[in-house]
C-alpha atoms as a PDB file:
ATOM      1  CA  MET A   1      90.143 -18.239 123.064  1.00  0.00           C
ATOM      2  CA  ASN A   2      88.456 -20.856 125.256  1.00  0.00           C
ATOM      3  CA  LYS A   3      86.854 -19.591 128.443  1.00  0.00           C
ATOM      4  CA  GLY A   4      86.601 -21.059 131.896  1.00  0.00           C
ATOM      5  CA  LEU A   5      83.226 -22.344 133.086  1.00  0.00           C
ATOM      6  CA  TYR A   6      82.282 -22.120 136.756  1.00  0.00           C
ATOM      7  CA  ILE A   7      79.135 -23.941 137.913  1.00  0.00           C
ATOM      8  CA  HIS A   8      77.938 -23.227 141.435  1.00  0.00           C
ATOM      9  CA  ILE A   9      76.213 -26.113 143.221  1.00  0.00           C
ATOM     10  CA  PRO A  10      74.401 -24.411 146.126  1.00  0.00           C
ATOM     11  CA  PHE A  11      73.643 -27.470 148.250  1.00  0.00           C
ATOM     12  CA  CYS A  12      75.102 -28.605 151.578  1.00  0.00           C
ATOM     13  CA  ARG A  13      74.002 -31.118 154.185  1.00  0.00           C
ATOM     14  CA  ARG A  14      74.893 -28.533 156.836  1.00  0.00           C
ATOM     15  CA  LYS A  15      76.723 -25.204 156.782  1.00  0.00           C
ATOM     16  CA  CYS A  16      80.004 -24.893 158.648  1.00  0.00           C
ATOM     17  CA  LEU A  17      80.259 -22.270 161.375  1.00  0.00           C
ATOM     18  CA  TYR A  18      82.543 -19.970 159.343  1.00  0.00           C
ATOM     19  CA  CYS A  19      80.987 -20.356 155.888  1.00  0.00           C
ATOM     20  CA  ASP A  20      79.461 -17.407 154.014  1.00  0.00           C
ATOM     21  CA  PHE A  21      79.143 -19.125 150.624  1.00  0.00           C
ATOM     22  CA  TYR A  22      75.623 -19.363 149.235  1.00  0.00           C
ATOM     23  CA  SER A  23      74.154 -22.796 149.975  1.00  0.00           C
ATOM     24  CA  VAL A  24      70.956 -24.443 151.200  1.00  0.00           C
ATOM     25  CA  VAL A  25      69.903 -27.944 152.259  1.00  0.00           C
ATOM     26  CA  PRO A  26      68.569 -29.746 149.151  1.00  0.00           C
ATOM     27  CA  ASP A  27      64.969 -30.960 149.086  1.00  0.00           C
ATOM     28  CA  ASP A  28      63.464 -33.842 147.121  1.00  0.00           C
ATOM     29  CA  GLY A  29      63.801 -33.322 143.397  1.00  0.00           C
ATOM     30  CA  ALA A  30      66.302 -30.483 143.779  1.00  0.00           C
ATOM     31  CA  ALA A  31      69.091 -32.307 141.925  1.00  0.00           C
ATOM     32  CA  GLN A  32      67.108 -32.875 138.728  1.00  0.00           C
ATOM     33  CA  ARG A  33      65.611 -29.371 138.696  1.00  0.00           C
ATOM     34  CA  TYR A  34      68.986 -27.816 139.280  1.00  0.00           C
ATOM     35  CA  ARG A  35      70.622 -29.844 136.511  1.00  0.00           C
ATOM     36  CA  GLU A  36      67.903 -28.767 134.072  1.00  0.00           C
ATOM     37  CA  ALA A  37      68.402 -25.092 134.985  1.00  0.00           C
ATOM     38  CA  VAL A  38      72.184 -25.329 134.567  1.00  0.00           C
ATOM     39  CA  VAL A  39      71.833 -27.064 131.193  1.00  0.00           C
ATOM     40  CA  ARG A  40      69.476 -24.445 129.748  1.00  0.00           C
ATOM     41  CA  ASN A  41      71.767 -21.642 130.911  1.00  0.00           C
ATOM     42  CA  ILE A  42      74.844 -23.274 129.385  1.00  0.00           C
ATOM     43  CA  ARG A  43      72.976 -23.642 126.092  1.00  0.00           C
ATOM     44  CA  HIS A  44      71.819 -20.030 126.286  1.00  0.00           C
ATOM     45  CA  TYR A  45      75.313 -18.600 126.656  1.00  0.00           C
ATOM     46  CA  GLY A  46      77.211 -21.003 124.407  1.00  0.00           C
ATOM     47  CA  GLY A  47      80.978 -20.732 124.069  1.00  0.00           C
ATOM     48  CA  SER A  48      83.916 -23.127 124.236  1.00  0.00           C
ATOM     49  CA  PHE A  49      85.648 -24.028 127.485  1.00  0.00           C
ATOM     50  CA  ASP A  50      88.994 -25.532 128.423  1.00  0.00           C
ATOM     51  CA  THR A  51      88.466 -25.455 132.196  1.00  0.00           C
ATOM     52  CA  VAL A  52      85.378 -26.300 134.228  1.00  0.00           C
ATOM     53  CA  TYR A  53      85.023 -25.877 137.979  1.00  0.00           C
ATOM     54  CA  PHE A  54      82.120 -27.207 140.048  1.00  0.00           C
ATOM     55  CA  GLY A  55      82.144 -25.172 143.272  1.00  0.00           C
ATOM     56  CA  GLY A  56      79.760 -24.829 146.137  1.00  0.00           C
ATOM     57  CA  GLY A  57      78.224 -25.750 148.360  1.00  0.00           C
ATOM     58  CA  THR A  58      79.024 -29.421 148.021  1.00  0.00           C
ATOM     59  CA  PRO A  59      79.028 -30.387 144.319  1.00  0.00           C
ATOM     60  CA  ILE A  60      79.610 -34.070 145.067  1.00  0.00           C
ATOM     61  CA  LEU A  61      76.034 -34.204 146.413  1.00  0.00           C
ATOM     62  CA  LEU A  62      74.941 -33.930 142.761  1.00  0.00           C
ATOM     63  CA  ALA A  63      77.495 -36.429 141.456  1.00  0.00           C
ATOM     64  CA  ASP A  64      74.878 -38.202 139.333  1.00  0.00           C
ATOM     65  CA  GLU A  65      73.922 -34.941 137.613  1.00  0.00           C
ATOM     66  CA  LEU A  66      77.312 -33.367 136.866  1.00  0.00           C
ATOM     67  CA  GLY A  67      77.960 -35.450 133.759  1.00  0.00           C
ATOM     68  CA  GLU A  68      74.712 -34.296 132.159  1.00  0.00           C
ATOM     69  CA  MET A  69      75.659 -30.686 132.849  1.00  0.00           C
ATOM     70  CA  LEU A  70      79.005 -31.218 131.136  1.00  0.00           C
ATOM     71  CA  LYS A  71      77.366 -32.756 128.069  1.00  0.00           C
ATOM     72  CA  ALA A  72      75.566 -29.451 127.454  1.00  0.00           C
ATOM     73  CA  ALA A  73      78.857 -27.549 127.081  1.00  0.00           C
ATOM     74  CA  ASP A  74      81.472 -27.433 124.322  1.00  0.00           C
ATOM     75  CA  ILE A  75      84.522 -28.623 126.273  1.00  0.00           C
ATOM     76  CA  SER A  76      87.969 -29.196 124.805  1.00  0.00           C
ATOM     77  CA  GLU A  77      89.509 -32.674 124.965  1.00  0.00           C
ATOM     78  CA  ASP A  78      92.359 -31.576 127.229  1.00  0.00           C
ATOM     79  CA  ALA A  79      90.140 -29.585 129.605  1.00  0.00           C
ATOM     80  CA  GLU A  80      90.779 -29.454 133.327  1.00  0.00           C
ATOM     81  CA  ILE A  81      87.474 -30.374 135.022  1.00  0.00           C
ATOM     82  CA  THR A  82      87.367 -29.913 138.795  1.00  0.00           C
ATOM     83  CA  ALA A  83      84.742 -30.805 141.388  1.00  0.00           C
ATOM     84  CA  GLU A  84      84.875 -29.737 145.021  1.00  0.00           C
ATOM     85  CA  CYS A  85      84.292 -32.634 147.408  1.00  0.00           C
ATOM     86  CA  ASN A  86      83.473 -33.160 151.067  1.00  0.00           C
ATOM     87  CA  PRO A  87      85.323 -36.111 152.675  1.00  0.00           C
ATOM     88  CA  CYS A  88      82.062 -37.506 154.089  1.00  0.00           C
ATOM     89  CA  GLU A  89      80.678 -38.185 150.589  1.00  0.00           C
ATOM     90  CA  MET A  90      83.826 -39.603 148.959  1.00  0.00           C
ATOM     91  CA  ASP A  91      82.983 -43.314 148.808  1.00  0.00           C
ATOM     92  CA  MET A  92      84.325 -45.366 145.911  1.00  0.00           C
ATOM     93  CA  CYS A  93      80.968 -45.533 144.128  1.00  0.00           C
ATOM     94  CA  THR A  94      80.539 -41.750 144.121  1.00  0.00           C
ATOM     95  CA  LEU A  95      84.142 -41.178 143.069  1.00  0.00           C
ATOM     96  CA  SER A  96      83.677 -43.628 140.182  1.00  0.00           C
ATOM     97  CA  THR A  97      80.604 -41.652 139.119  1.00  0.00           C
ATOM     98  CA  LEU A  98      82.720 -38.489 138.998  1.00  0.00           C
ATOM     99  CA  ARG A  99      85.362 -40.245 136.902  1.00  0.00           C
ATOM    100  CA  GLU A 100      82.728 -41.543 134.484  1.00  0.00           C
ATOM    101  CA  ALA A 101      81.437 -37.961 134.143  1.00  0.00           C
ATOM    102  CA  SER A 102      84.903 -36.921 132.806  1.00  0.00           C
ATOM    103  CA  ILE A 103      85.875 -35.033 135.967  1.00  0.00           C
ATOM    104  CA  ASN A 104      89.661 -35.307 136.196  1.00  0.00           C
ATOM    105  CA  ARG A 105      90.503 -33.122 139.178  1.00  0.00           C
ATOM    106  CA  ILE A 106      89.008 -32.925 142.647  1.00  0.00           C
ATOM    107  CA  SER A 107      89.398 -30.401 145.445  1.00  0.00           C
ATOM    108  CA  VAL A 108      88.795 -31.813 148.921  1.00  0.00           C
ATOM    109  CA  GLY A 109      87.660 -29.566 151.775  1.00  0.00           C
ATOM    110  CA  VAL A 110      89.821 -30.884 154.613  1.00  0.00           C
ATOM    111  CA  GLN A 111      90.718 -27.680 156.565  1.00  0.00           C
ATOM    112  CA  SER A 112      92.670 -29.546 159.272  1.00  0.00           C
ATOM    113  CA  PHE A 113      93.870 -33.014 160.238  1.00  0.00           C
ATOM    114  CA  ARG A 114      93.187 -32.384 163.928  1.00  0.00           C
ATOM    115  CA  ASP A 115      89.830 -33.617 165.214  1.00  0.00           C
ATOM    116  CA  ALA A 116      89.446 -30.881 167.849  1.00  0.00           C
ATOM    117  CA  GLU A 117      90.005 -28.166 165.241  1.00  0.00           C
ATOM    118  CA  LEU A 118      87.548 -29.787 162.808  1.00  0.00           C
ATOM    119  CA  SER A 119      84.906 -29.960 165.527  1.00  0.00           C
ATOM    120  CA  ALA A 120      85.473 -26.304 166.416  1.00  0.00           C
ATOM    121  CA  LEU A 121      84.895 -25.363 162.758  1.00  0.00           C
ATOM    122  CA  GLY A 122      81.655 -27.342 162.589  1.00  0.00           C
ATOM    123  CA  ARG A 123      83.002 -29.792 160.014  1.00  0.00           C
ATOM    124  CA  ARG A 124      81.151 -33.096 159.568  1.00  0.00           C
ATOM    125  CA  HIS A 125      84.263 -35.237 159.089  1.00  0.00           C
ATOM    126  CA  ASP A 126      87.189 -36.203 161.284  1.00  0.00           C
ATOM    127  CA  ALA A 127      90.861 -36.492 160.327  1.00  0.00           C
ATOM    128  CA  GLU A 128      90.713 -40.226 159.637  1.00  0.00           C
ATOM    129  CA  THR A 129      87.772 -39.781 157.264  1.00  0.00           C
ATOM    130  CA  ALA A 130      89.687 -37.107 155.345  1.00  0.00           C
ATOM    131  CA  VAL A 131      92.772 -39.310 154.962  1.00  0.00           C
ATOM    132  CA  HIS A 132      90.679 -42.244 153.730  1.00  0.00           C
ATOM    133  CA  ALA A 133      88.775 -39.969 151.320  1.00  0.00           C
ATOM    134  CA  ILE A 134      91.973 -38.826 149.630  1.00  0.00           C
ATOM    135  CA  GLU A 135      93.310 -42.381 149.485  1.00  0.00           C
ATOM    136  CA  ASN A 136      89.985 -43.443 147.930  1.00  0.00           C
ATOM    137  CA  ALA A 137      90.303 -40.713 145.321  1.00  0.00           C
ATOM    138  CA  ALA A 138      93.765 -41.932 144.322  1.00  0.00           C
ATOM    139  CA  ALA A 139      92.499 -45.526 144.196  1.00  0.00           C
ATOM    140  CA  ALA A 140      89.586 -44.403 141.988  1.00  0.00           C
ATOM    141  CA  GLY A 141      92.099 -43.108 139.431  1.00  0.00           C
ATOM    142  CA  PHE A 142      92.321 -39.400 140.219  1.00  0.00           C
ATOM    143  CA  ARG A 143      95.854 -38.160 139.595  1.00  0.00           C
ATOM    144  CA  ASP A 144      95.154 -34.473 140.211  1.00  0.00           C
ATOM    145  CA  ILE A 145      93.983 -34.098 143.811  1.00  0.00           C
ATOM    146  CA  SER A 146      93.866 -30.818 145.701  1.00  0.00           C
ATOM    147  CA  LEU A 147      92.981 -30.208 149.326  1.00  0.00           C
ATOM    148  CA  ASP A 148      92.009 -27.086 151.261  1.00  0.00           C
ATOM    149  CA  LEU A 149      93.495 -26.161 154.631  1.00  0.00           C
ATOM    150  CA  MET A 150      92.688 -23.255 156.959  1.00  0.00           C
ATOM    151  CA  LEU A 151      95.072 -21.163 159.055  1.00  0.00           C
ATOM    152  CA  GLY A 152      94.332 -19.172 162.200  1.00  0.00           C
ATOM    153  CA  ILE A 153      91.416 -21.368 163.272  1.00  0.00           C
ATOM    154  CA  PRO A 154      90.181 -22.118 166.801  1.00  0.00           C
ATOM    155  CA  GLN A 155      92.572 -24.257 168.882  1.00  0.00           C
ATOM    156  CA  GLN A 156      95.271 -24.192 166.197  1.00  0.00           C
ATOM    157  CA  THR A 157      98.910 -23.841 167.257  1.00  0.00           C
ATOM    158  CA  ALA A 158     102.199 -23.924 165.382  1.00  0.00           C
ATOM    159  CA  GLN A 159     102.613 -27.521 166.539  1.00  0.00           C
ATOM    160  CA  SER A 160      99.138 -28.656 165.463  1.00  0.00           C
ATOM    161  CA  LEU A 161      99.545 -26.920 162.105  1.00  0.00           C
ATOM    162  CA  ASP A 162     102.865 -28.681 161.560  1.00  0.00           C
ATOM    163  CA  GLU A 163     101.136 -32.010 162.106  1.00  0.00           C
ATOM    164  CA  THR A 164      98.396 -31.082 159.617  1.00  0.00           C
ATOM    165  CA  LEU A 165     100.982 -30.009 157.019  1.00  0.00           C
ATOM    166  CA  ARG A 166     103.017 -33.193 157.550  1.00  0.00           C
ATOM    167  CA  ILE A 167      99.969 -35.404 156.959  1.00  0.00           C
ATOM    168  CA  ALA A 168      98.780 -33.335 153.980  1.00  0.00           C
ATOM    169  CA  ALA A 169     102.144 -33.417 152.210  1.00  0.00           C
ATOM    170  CA  GLY A 170     102.409 -37.159 152.760  1.00  0.00           C
ATOM    171  CA  LEU A 171      99.149 -37.909 150.954  1.00  0.00           C
ATOM    172  CA  PRO A 172      98.829 -38.429 147.164  1.00  0.00           C
ATOM    173  CA  VAL A 173      97.964 -34.780 146.498  1.00  0.00           C
ATOM    174  CA  THR A 174      99.285 -32.498 143.783  1.00  0.00           C
ATOM    175  CA  HIS A 175      97.907 -29.194 145.053  1.00  0.00           C
ATOM    176  CA  ILE A 176      97.154 -27.544 148.400  1.00  0.00           C
ATOM    177  CA  SER A 177      95.220 -24.346 149.080  1.00  0.00           C
ATOM    178  CA  ALA A 178      95.838 -22.771 152.491  1.00  0.00           C
ATOM    179  CA  TYR A 179      93.520 -19.915 153.452  1.00  0.00           C
ATOM    180  CA  MET A 180      93.572 -17.731 156.540  1.00  0.00           C
ATOM    181  CA  LEU A 181      90.235 -17.776 158.323  1.00  0.00           C
ATOM    182  CA  LYS A 182      88.163 -14.673 157.661  1.00  0.00           C
ATOM    183  CA  ILE A 183      85.286 -13.915 160.008  1.00  0.00           C
ATOM    184  CA  GLU A 184      82.110 -12.987 158.119  1.00  0.00           C
ATOM    185  CA  GLU A 185      79.383 -11.115 160.020  1.00  0.00           C
ATOM    186  CA  SER A 186      76.545 -13.243 158.660  1.00  0.00           C
ATOM    187  CA  THR A 187      78.007 -16.534 159.971  1.00  0.00           C
ATOM    188  CA  PRO A 188      77.770 -18.145 163.432  1.00  0.00           C
ATOM    189  CA  PHE A 189      81.437 -17.210 163.929  1.00  0.00           C
ATOM    190  CA  GLY A 190      80.548 -13.614 163.063  1.00  0.00           C
ATOM    191  CA  ARG A 191      77.773 -13.542 165.636  1.00  0.00           C
ATOM    192  CA  ASN A 192      79.780 -15.329 168.324  1.00  0.00           C
ATOM    193  CA  THR A 193      83.476 -15.225 167.464  1.00  0.00           C
ATOM    194  CA  PRO A 194      85.521 -17.983 169.130  1.00  0.00           C
ATOM    195  CA  LEU A 195      88.982 -17.521 170.605  1.00  0.00           C
ATOM    196  CA  LEU A 196      91.426 -17.419 167.674  1.00  0.00           C
ATOM    197  CA  PRO A 197      95.194 -17.116 167.241  1.00  0.00           C
ATOM    198  CA  ASP A 198      96.125 -13.439 167.075  1.00  0.00           C
ATOM    199  CA  GLU A 199      97.319 -11.692 163.896  1.00  0.00           C
ATOM    200  CA  ASP A 200     101.015 -12.251 164.628  1.00  0.00           C
ATOM    201  CA  GLU A 201     100.470 -15.948 165.352  1.00  0.00           C
ATOM    202  CA  THR A 202      98.430 -16.371 162.174  1.00  0.00           C
ATOM    203  CA  ALA A 203     101.096 -14.562 160.122  1.00  0.00           C
ATOM    204  CA  ASP A 204     103.724 -16.915 161.544  1.00  0.00           C
ATOM    205  CA  MET A 205     101.508 -19.884 160.655  1.00  0.00           C
ATOM    206  CA  TYR A 206     101.265 -18.612 157.084  1.00  0.00           C
ATOM    207  CA  LEU A 207     105.056 -18.361 156.751  1.00  0.00           C
ATOM    208  CA  GLN A 208     105.373 -21.781 158.395  1.00  0.00           C
ATOM    209  CA  THR A 209     102.999 -23.183 155.758  1.00  0.00           C
ATOM    210  CA  VAL A 210     104.935 -21.643 152.864  1.00  0.00           C
ATOM    211  CA  GLN A 211     108.223 -23.070 154.154  1.00  0.00           C
ATOM    212  CA  ARG A 212     106.869 -26.529 155.032  1.00  0.00           C
ATOM    213  CA  LEU A 213     105.071 -27.049 151.722  1.00  0.00           C
ATOM    214  CA  SER A 214     108.052 -25.807 149.729  1.00  0.00           C
ATOM    215  CA  GLN A 215     110.245 -28.357 151.522  1.00  0.00           C
ATOM    216  CA  SER A 216     107.669 -31.008 150.556  1.00  0.00           C
ATOM    217  CA  GLY A 217     107.808 -30.168 146.842  1.00  0.00           C
ATOM    218  CA  LEU A 218     104.716 -27.966 146.694  1.00  0.00           C
ATOM    219  CA  SER A 219     105.793 -24.579 145.347  1.00  0.00           C
ATOM    220  CA  GLN A 220     103.820 -21.427 146.052  1.00  0.00           C
ATOM    221  CA  TYR A 221     102.348 -19.982 142.858  1.00  0.00           C
ATOM    222  CA  GLU A 222      99.688 -17.701 144.403  1.00  0.00           C
ATOM    223  CA  ILE A 223      99.098 -16.127 147.803  1.00  0.00           C
ATOM    224  CA  SER A 224      97.167 -19.137 149.104  1.00  0.00           C
ATOM    225  CA  ASN A 225      97.997 -21.868 146.581  1.00  0.00           C
ATOM    226  CA  PHE A 226     100.783 -24.418 146.278  1.00  0.00           C
ATOM    227  CA  ALA A 227     101.358 -27.102 143.654  1.00  0.00           C
ATOM    228  CA  ARG A 228     103.717 -29.768 142.454  1.00  0.00           C
ATOM    229  CA  ASP A 229     105.347 -29.117 139.065  1.00  0.00           C
ATOM    230  CA  GLY A 230     102.731 -28.738 136.331  1.00  0.00           C
ATOM    231  CA  CYS A 231      99.782 -29.045 138.733  1.00  0.00           C
ATOM    232  CA  SER A 232      98.685 -25.427 139.275  1.00  0.00           C
ATOM    233  CA  CYS A 233      94.927 -24.992 138.974  1.00  0.00           C
ATOM    234  CA  ARG A 234      94.384 -23.875 135.373  1.00  0.00           C
ATOM    235  CA  HIS A 235      90.869 -22.650 136.090  1.00  0.00           C
ATOM    236  CA  ASN A 236      91.842 -20.389 138.985  1.00  0.00           C
ATOM    237  CA  LEU A 237      94.754 -19.017 136.973  1.00  0.00           C
ATOM    238  CA  LYS A 238      92.160 -17.614 134.571  1.00  0.00           C
ATOM    239  CA  TYR A 239      90.866 -15.410 137.411  1.00  0.00           C
ATOM    240  CA  TRP A 240      94.303 -14.084 138.300  1.00  0.00           C
ATOM    241  CA  ARG A 241      95.456 -13.642 134.702  1.00  0.00           C
ATOM    242  CA  ARG A 242      92.274 -11.756 133.821  1.00  0.00           C
ATOM    243  CA  GLU A 243      91.054 -14.300 131.301  1.00  0.00           C
ATOM    244  CA  GLU A 244      87.380 -14.795 130.547  1.00  0.00           C
ATOM    245  CA  TYR A 245      85.157 -17.122 132.546  1.00  0.00           C
ATOM    246  CA  LEU A 246      81.417 -17.758 132.655  1.00  0.00           C
ATOM    247  CA  GLY A 247      79.614 -18.414 135.936  1.00  0.00           C
ATOM    248  CA  ILE A 248      76.384 -20.425 136.111  1.00  0.00           C
ATOM    249  CA  GLY A 249      74.181 -20.693 139.193  1.00  0.00           C
ATOM    250  CA  PRO A 250      73.103 -18.453 142.096  1.00  0.00           C
ATOM    251  CA  ALA A 251      76.056 -16.441 143.499  1.00  0.00           C
ATOM    252  CA  ALA A 252      78.317 -17.348 140.550  1.00  0.00           C
ATOM    253  CA  HIS A 253      80.511 -14.626 139.036  1.00  0.00           C
ATOM    254  CA  SER A 254      81.578 -14.010 135.438  1.00  0.00           C
ATOM    255  CA  PHE A 255      84.069 -11.922 133.488  1.00  0.00           C
ATOM    256  CA  ILE A 256      83.019 -11.676 129.842  1.00  0.00           C
ATOM    257  CA  ASP A 257      83.740  -9.000 127.221  1.00  0.00           C
ATOM    258  CA  GLY A 258      85.415  -6.745 129.777  1.00  0.00           C
ATOM    259  CA  ARG A 259      82.396  -6.777 132.099  1.00  0.00           C
ATOM    260  CA  ARG A 260      82.064  -8.315 135.544  1.00  0.00           C
ATOM    261  CA  TYR A 261      78.746  -9.592 136.790  1.00  0.00           C
ATOM    262  CA  ALA A 262      77.258 -11.880 139.411  1.00  0.00           C
ATOM    263  CA  VAL A 263      74.143 -14.009 139.556  1.00  0.00           C
ATOM    264  CA  ALA A 264      71.576 -13.243 142.248  1.00  0.00           C
ATOM    265  CA  ARG A 265      71.803 -15.354 145.425  1.00  0.00           C
ATOM    266  CA  ASP A 266      68.358 -16.773 144.787  1.00  0.00           C
ATOM    267  CA  LEU A 267      67.930 -20.505 144.165  1.00  0.00           C
ATOM    268  CA  ASN A 268      64.208 -20.367 143.454  1.00  0.00           C
ATOM    269  CA  GLY A 269      64.690 -17.514 141.006  1.00  0.00           C
ATOM    270  CA  PHE A 270      67.428 -19.459 139.218  1.00  0.00           C
ATOM    271  CA  LEU A 271      65.290 -22.593 138.971  1.00  0.00           C
ATOM    272  CA  SER A 272      62.209 -20.765 137.679  1.00  0.00           C
ATOM    273  CA  SER A 273      63.897 -18.444 135.147  1.00  0.00           C
ATOM    274  CA  ALA A 274      64.633 -19.296 131.541  1.00  0.00           C
ATOM    275  CA  VAL A 275      67.957 -17.443 131.941  1.00  0.00           C
ATOM    276  CA  GLN A 276      69.660 -16.591 135.221  1.00  0.00           C
ATOM    277  CA  ALA A 277      69.328 -13.035 136.546  1.00  0.00           C
ATOM    278  CA  GLU A 278      72.602 -11.116 136.132  1.00  0.00           C
ATOM    279  CA  LEU A 279      73.707  -8.289 138.393  1.00  0.00           C
ATOM    280  CA  VAL A 280      76.428  -6.133 136.824  1.00  0.00           C
ATOM    281  CA  THR A 281      79.130  -5.574 139.448  1.00  0.00           C
ATOM    282  CA  ASP A 282      81.505  -3.590 137.217  1.00  0.00           C
ATOM    283  CA  GLY A 283      80.544  -2.593 133.699  1.00  0.00           C
ATOM    284  CA  CYS A 284      83.927  -1.072 132.872  1.00  0.00           C
ATOM    285  CA  PRO A 285      86.702  -2.236 135.215  1.00  0.00           C
ATOM    286  CA  ASP A 286      90.078  -0.483 135.104  1.00  0.00           C
ATOM    287  CA  GLU A 287      92.203  -2.958 133.140  1.00  0.00           C
ATOM    288  CA  TYR A 288      95.545  -1.611 134.347  1.00  0.00           C
ATOM    289  CA  GLU A 289      94.612  -1.660 138.034  1.00  0.00           C
ATOM    290  CA  GLU A 290      93.147  -5.153 137.747  1.00  0.00           C
ATOM    291  CA  ARG A 291      96.251  -6.491 136.017  1.00  0.00           C
ATOM    292  CA  VAL A 292      98.391  -5.087 138.827  1.00  0.00           C
ATOM    293  CA  MET A 293      96.134  -6.268 141.654  1.00  0.00           C
ATOM    294  CA  LEU A 294      95.557  -9.739 140.249  1.00  0.00           C
ATOM    295  CA  GLY A 295      99.089 -10.189 138.919  1.00  0.00           C
ATOM    296  CA  LEU A 296     100.662  -9.426 142.289  1.00  0.00           C
ATOM    297  CA  ARG A 297      98.682 -12.285 143.809  1.00  0.00           C
ATOM    298  CA  LEU A 298     100.841 -14.622 141.732  1.00  0.00           C
ATOM    299  CA  SER A 299     104.421 -15.650 142.432  1.00  0.00           C
ATOM    300  CA  GLU A 300     105.169 -14.903 138.765  1.00  0.00           C
ATOM    301  CA  GLY A 301     104.284 -11.253 139.461  1.00  0.00           C
ATOM    302  CA  ILE A 302     103.877  -8.553 136.842  1.00  0.00           C
ATOM    303  CA  PRO A 303     106.071  -7.395 133.923  1.00  0.00           C
ATOM    304  CA  GLU A 304     108.055  -4.172 133.852  1.00  0.00           C
ATOM    305  CA  GLU A 305     105.501  -2.340 131.733  1.00  0.00           C
ATOM    306  CA  LEU A 306     103.036  -2.653 134.622  1.00  0.00           C
ATOM    307  CA  TRP A 307     105.238  -1.918 137.615  1.00  0.00           C
ATOM    308  CA  LYS A 308     107.522   0.743 136.109  1.00  0.00           C
ATOM    309  CA  PRO A 309     104.851   3.499 136.357  1.00  0.00           C
ATOM    310  CA  LEU A 310     104.566   2.634 140.068  1.00  0.00           C
ATOM    311  CA  GLU A 311     108.276   2.778 140.835  1.00  0.00           C
ATOM    312  CA  SER A 312     108.038   5.834 143.097  1.00  0.00           C
ATOM    313  CA  GLY A 313     105.653   3.927 145.365  1.00  0.00           C
ATOM    314  CA  LEU A 314     107.873   0.856 145.288  1.00  0.00           C
ATOM    315  CA  GLN A 315     110.654   2.859 146.923  1.00  0.00           C
ATOM    316  CA  ARG A 316     108.448   3.087 150.029  1.00  0.00           C
ATOM    317  CA  VAL A 317     108.023  -0.702 150.298  1.00  0.00           C
ATOM    318  CA  PRO A 318     110.555  -2.591 152.473  1.00  0.00           C
ATOM    319  CA  LYS A 319     112.884  -4.612 150.247  1.00  0.00           C
ATOM    320  CA  ASN A 320     112.150  -7.925 151.970  1.00  0.00           C
ATOM    321  CA  TYR A 321     108.529  -7.648 150.782  1.00  0.00           C
ATOM    322  CA  TYR A 322     109.263  -7.887 147.056  1.00  0.00           C
ATOM    323  CA  ARG A 323     111.736  -9.036 144.440  1.00  0.00           C
ATOM    324  CA  ILE A 324     112.544  -8.020 140.866  1.00  0.00           C
ATOM    325  CA  GLU A 325     113.844 -10.828 138.686  1.00  0.00           C
ATOM    326  CA  ASP A 326     114.080 -10.924 134.877  1.00  0.00           C
ATOM    327  CA  GLY A 327     112.204  -7.627 134.774  1.00  0.00           C
ATOM    328  CA  ARG A 328     109.201  -8.945 136.740  1.00  0.00           C
ATOM    329  CA  LEU A 329     108.033  -7.597 140.094  1.00  0.00           C
ATOM    330  CA  SER A 330     106.628 -10.108 142.561  1.00  0.00           C
ATOM    331  CA  LEU A 331     105.916 -10.200 146.278  1.00  0.00           C
ATOM    332  CA  THR A 332     107.740 -12.435 148.736  1.00  0.00           C
ATOM    333  CA  ALA A 333     105.885 -14.583 151.269  1.00  0.00           C
ATOM    334  CA  GLU A 334     106.277 -11.741 153.777  1.00  0.00           C
ATOM    335  CA  GLY A 335     104.937  -9.317 151.161  1.00  0.00           C
ATOM    336  CA  PHE A 336     101.915 -11.529 150.468  1.00  0.00           C
ATOM    337  CA  LEU A 337     100.884 -11.054 154.101  1.00  0.00           C
ATOM    338  CA  LEU A 338     100.563  -7.314 153.410  1.00  0.00           C
ATOM    339  CA  SER A 339      99.582  -7.524 149.753  1.00  0.00           C
ATOM    340  CA  ASN A 340      96.467  -5.345 150.042  1.00  0.00           C
ATOM    341  CA  GLU A 341      98.411  -2.552 151.721  1.00  0.00           C
ATOM    342  CA  ILE A 342     101.327  -2.800 149.279  1.00  0.00           C
ATOM    343  CA  ILE A 343      99.090  -2.823 146.197  1.00  0.00           C
ATOM    344  CA  SER A 344      97.074   0.142 147.501  1.00  0.00           C
ATOM    345  CA  LEU A 345     100.298   2.061 148.134  1.00  0.00           C
ATOM    346  CA  LEU A 346     101.641   1.346 144.646  1.00  0.00           C
ATOM    347  CA  LEU A 347      98.426   2.266 142.856  1.00  0.00           C
ATOM    348  CA  SER A 348      98.112   5.491 144.846  1.00  0.00           C
ATOM    349  CA  GLN A 349     101.337   6.633 143.165  1.00  0.00           C
ATOM    350  CA  ARG A 350     100.038   5.979 139.661  1.00  0.00           C
END
């Protein structure tokens, strides 16, 4: 079976105030050296891939190098190939370079279409730039365009979120990811947390998002992901369906041969090593528990053979938090808000 290939591009012009992803400001020559390191690692591992995902960081900063990375891999003709993009870098020339490199899907980090909220997050773009970036992507020939939004951010209200969702759904996008802001200790927000909507307000914003996007033809298929028919992210589905994927680059993660591992968060070590340093995070994960935990992130849920052994715990879950249809157990939007608690309760009854 073909695997997924994740390539981490650890470069950003500037880190956002909430971001805990591994990234640094690139220096002269970084692009070429990084491409060479990625290529030798791809050749070392081998394998065939039907999805590729360039994450970051800001992969579009290395637009001229991504095609060479792809040439080193055995990629199927119908592969989904995604690159994350920042609106500030999405000019027509750069987008054409991505298209020429065989990238056929882009994920745009928008977060909000309100300038005050973007400024509070430390984003480099404004709302107008984000709208033009997505319009440029459509004009460049991209038919599979995703954008990221954030919920529960500084200055956000139900009214401002509704405006963001209205603009997002009206753009030529096929997929929207909507994540609730999580404060990480190592970030500026962690050291000096701004005033945020409270938990109840953020929960209401989440339910508002689910309803608004559904009305706009973007169906929820995972806790934080919504897509038009046939446009779910095939690469991310590999994570949730417990399929194999290989991660290349510092801070990348892999799941191969029943083992989970991560690459050290060390750019210099990655560049100077013949093969990236792997840190085993779980040498023998519990397959049953993972299938339950990951499967209940999806709207498709889990089959009866997985949830039946947990039925005694299910009796303690309020009925508006889940549904059973055609023998499959899945969580409702209200249940997704408490998914960690529900899953822990069910597995404790195993």
